[in-house]
Amino acid sequence: MLPGASGLEVLDRMRQAKPTLPVIVLTAQGDVEHRVTGLDAGAADYIVKPFSLSELAARSGLSSGSPRRRRRRRSRRATSRST
């Protein structure tokens, strides 16, 4: 639990402040109803505790083998070649 606000309230504030910012919800609330509510509220992903750091890295695109990470590396290489 967060002090002073629920996770969904924090997510709503983040959506209002930065609508395009991807938000991954990390929570102990793992039942289907909570996951669907979080995703419907705008979460990019929803991970239930306990979780592994490798799972978090993969879901956030930080793992070296993720398609998102490979696209970033290709983009950086193309940018560095053109400058």
C-alpha atoms as a PDB file:
ATOM      1  CA  MET A   1       0.000   0.000   0.000  1.00  0.00           C
ATOM      2  CA  LEU A   2       1.073   3.516  -0.724  1.00  0.00           C
ATOM      3  CA  PRO A   3       0.690   6.136   1.991  1.00  0.00           C
ATOM      4  CA  GLY A   4      -1.972   8.708   1.169  1.00  0.00           C
ATOM      5  CA  ALA A   5      -3.120   7.405  -2.210  1.00  0.00           C
ATOM      6  CA  SER A   6      -3.901   4.152  -3.976  1.00  0.00           C
ATOM      7  CA  GLY A   7      -1.753   2.906  -6.816  1.00  0.00           C
ATOM      8  CA  LEU A   8      -4.598   3.589  -9.235  1.00  0.00           C
ATOM      9  CA  GLU A   9      -4.787   7.199  -8.040  1.00  0.00           C
ATOM     10  CA  VAL A  10      -1.048   7.583  -8.599  1.00  0.00           C
ATOM     11  CA  LEU A  11      -1.405   6.006 -12.045  1.00  0.00           C
ATOM     12  CA  ASP A  12      -4.231   8.430 -12.874  1.00  0.00           C
ATOM     13  CA  ARG A  13      -2.100  11.418 -11.835  1.00  0.00           C
ATOM     14  CA  MET A  14       0.805  10.140 -13.918  1.00  0.00           C
ATOM     15  CA  ARG A  15      -1.490   9.692 -16.940  1.00  0.00           C
ATOM     16  CA  GLN A  16      -2.706  13.280 -16.533  1.00  0.00           C
ATOM     17  CA  ALA A  17       0.797  14.714 -16.178  1.00  0.00           C
ATOM     18  CA  LYS A  18       2.520  12.618 -18.863  1.00  0.00           C
ATOM     19  CA  PRO A  19      -0.001  10.731 -21.000  1.00  0.00           C
ATOM     20  CA  THR A  20       2.618   9.003 -23.162  1.00  0.00           C
ATOM     21  CA  LEU A  21       4.849   7.836 -20.294  1.00  0.00           C
ATOM     22  CA  PRO A  22       4.723   4.025 -20.116  1.00  0.00           C
ATOM     23  CA  VAL A  23       3.938   2.918 -16.549  1.00  0.00           C
ATOM     24  CA  ILE A  24       4.528  -0.578 -15.214  1.00  0.00           C
ATOM     25  CA  VAL A  25       2.483  -1.321 -12.103  1.00  0.00           C
ATOM     26  CA  LEU A  26       4.304  -3.415  -9.475  1.00  0.00           C
ATOM     27  CA  THR A  27       1.791  -4.737  -6.975  1.00  0.00           C
ATOM     28  CA  ALA A  28       0.785  -7.459  -4.578  1.00  0.00           C
ATOM     29  CA  GLN A  29      -2.768  -7.340  -5.993  1.00  0.00           C
ATOM     30  CA  GLY A  30      -2.600 -10.219  -8.445  1.00  0.00           C
ATOM     31  CA  ASP A  31      -6.162 -11.280  -9.074  1.00  0.00           C
ATOM     32  CA  VAL A  32      -7.547 -10.846 -12.571  1.00  0.00           C
ATOM     33  CA  GLU A  33      -9.928  -8.034 -11.592  1.00  0.00           C
ATOM     34  CA  HIS A  34      -7.073  -5.882 -10.243  1.00  0.00           C
ATOM     35  CA  ARG A  35      -4.843  -6.583 -13.241  1.00  0.00           C
ATOM     36  CA  VAL A  36      -7.597  -5.677 -15.719  1.00  0.00           C
ATOM     37  CA  THR A  37      -8.460  -2.530 -13.743  1.00  0.00           C
ATOM     38  CA  GLY A  38      -4.806  -1.417 -13.772  1.00  0.00           C
ATOM     39  CA  LEU A  39      -4.405  -2.069 -17.486  1.00  0.00           C
ATOM     40  CA  ASP A  40      -7.707  -0.344 -18.263  1.00  0.00           C
ATOM     41  CA  ALA A  41      -6.521   2.640 -16.193  1.00  0.00           C
ATOM     42  CA  GLY A  42      -3.559   3.050 -18.525  1.00  0.00           C
ATOM     43  CA  ALA A  43      -0.755   0.863 -17.193  1.00  0.00           C
ATOM     44  CA  ALA A  44       1.565  -0.388 -19.917  1.00  0.00           C
ATOM     45  CA  ASP A  45       2.084  -3.584 -17.947  1.00  0.00           C
ATOM     46  CA  TYR A  46       1.170  -5.089 -14.593  1.00  0.00           C
ATOM     47  CA  ILE A  47       3.623  -7.218 -12.607  1.00  0.00           C
ATOM     48  CA  VAL A  48       2.609  -9.053  -9.450  1.00  0.00           C
ATOM     49  CA  LYS A  49       5.000  -9.321  -6.504  1.00  0.00           C
ATOM     50  CA  PRO A  50       7.146 -11.222  -5.916  1.00  0.00           C
ATOM     51  CA  PHE A  51       8.801 -10.865  -9.306  1.00  0.00           C
ATOM     52  CA  SER A  52      12.288 -11.401 -10.641  1.00  0.00           C
ATOM     53  CA  LEU A  53      14.467  -8.553 -11.843  1.00  0.00           C
ATOM     54  CA  SER A  54      14.941 -10.379 -15.136  1.00  0.00           C
ATOM     55  CA  GLU A  55      11.150 -10.368 -15.627  1.00  0.00           C
ATOM     56  CA  LEU A  56      11.014  -6.634 -14.897  1.00  0.00           C
ATOM     57  CA  ALA A  57      13.908  -5.999 -17.289  1.00  0.00           C
ATOM     58  CA  ALA A  58      12.256  -8.059 -20.033  1.00  0.00           C
ATOM     59  CA  ARG A  59       8.886  -6.368 -19.617  1.00  0.00           C
ATOM     60  CA  SER A  60      10.422  -2.902 -19.565  1.00  0.00           C
ATOM     61  CA  GLY A  61      12.560  -3.556 -22.624  1.00  0.00           C
ATOM     62  CA  LEU A  62      15.815  -3.368 -20.678  1.00  0.00           C
ATOM     63  CA  SER A  63      16.916  -6.937 -21.297  1.00  0.00           C
ATOM     64  CA  SER A  64      19.565  -7.211 -23.984  1.00  0.00           C
ATOM     65  CA  GLY A  65      17.507  -9.680 -26.000  1.00  0.00           C
ATOM     66  CA  SER A  66      14.273  -7.714 -26.060  1.00  0.00           C
ATOM     67  CA  PRO A  67      13.026  -6.464 -29.451  1.00  0.00           C
ATOM     68  CA  ARG A  68      12.678  -2.937 -28.014  1.00  0.00           C
ATOM     69  CA  ARG A  69      16.309  -2.966 -26.843  1.00  0.00           C
ATOM     70  CA  ARG A  70      17.552  -4.304 -30.208  1.00  0.00           C
ATOM     71  CA  ARG A  71      15.647  -1.507 -32.039  1.00  0.00           C
ATOM     72  CA  ARG A  72      17.236   1.106 -29.767  1.00  0.00           C
ATOM     73  CA  ARG A  73      20.737  -0.273 -30.437  1.00  0.00           C
ATOM     74  CA  ARG A  74      20.139  -0.276 -34.218  1.00  0.00           C
ATOM     75  CA  SER A  75      18.790   3.267 -34.038  1.00  0.00           C
ATOM     76  CA  ARG A  76      21.812   4.471 -32.049  1.00  0.00           C
ATOM     77  CA  ARG A  77      24.209   2.824 -34.493  1.00  0.00           C
ATOM     78  CA  ALA A  78      22.440   4.428 -37.467  1.00  0.00           C
ATOM     79  CA  THR A  79      22.507   7.833 -35.741  1.00  0.00           C
ATOM     80  CA  SER A  80      26.206   7.566 -34.872  1.00  0.00           C
ATOM     81  CA  ARG A  81      27.072   6.621 -38.462  1.00  0.00           C
ATOM     82  CA  SER A  82      25.191   9.589 -39.906  1.00  0.00           C
ATOM     83  CA  THR A  83      26.909  12.141 -37.659  1.00  0.00           C
END
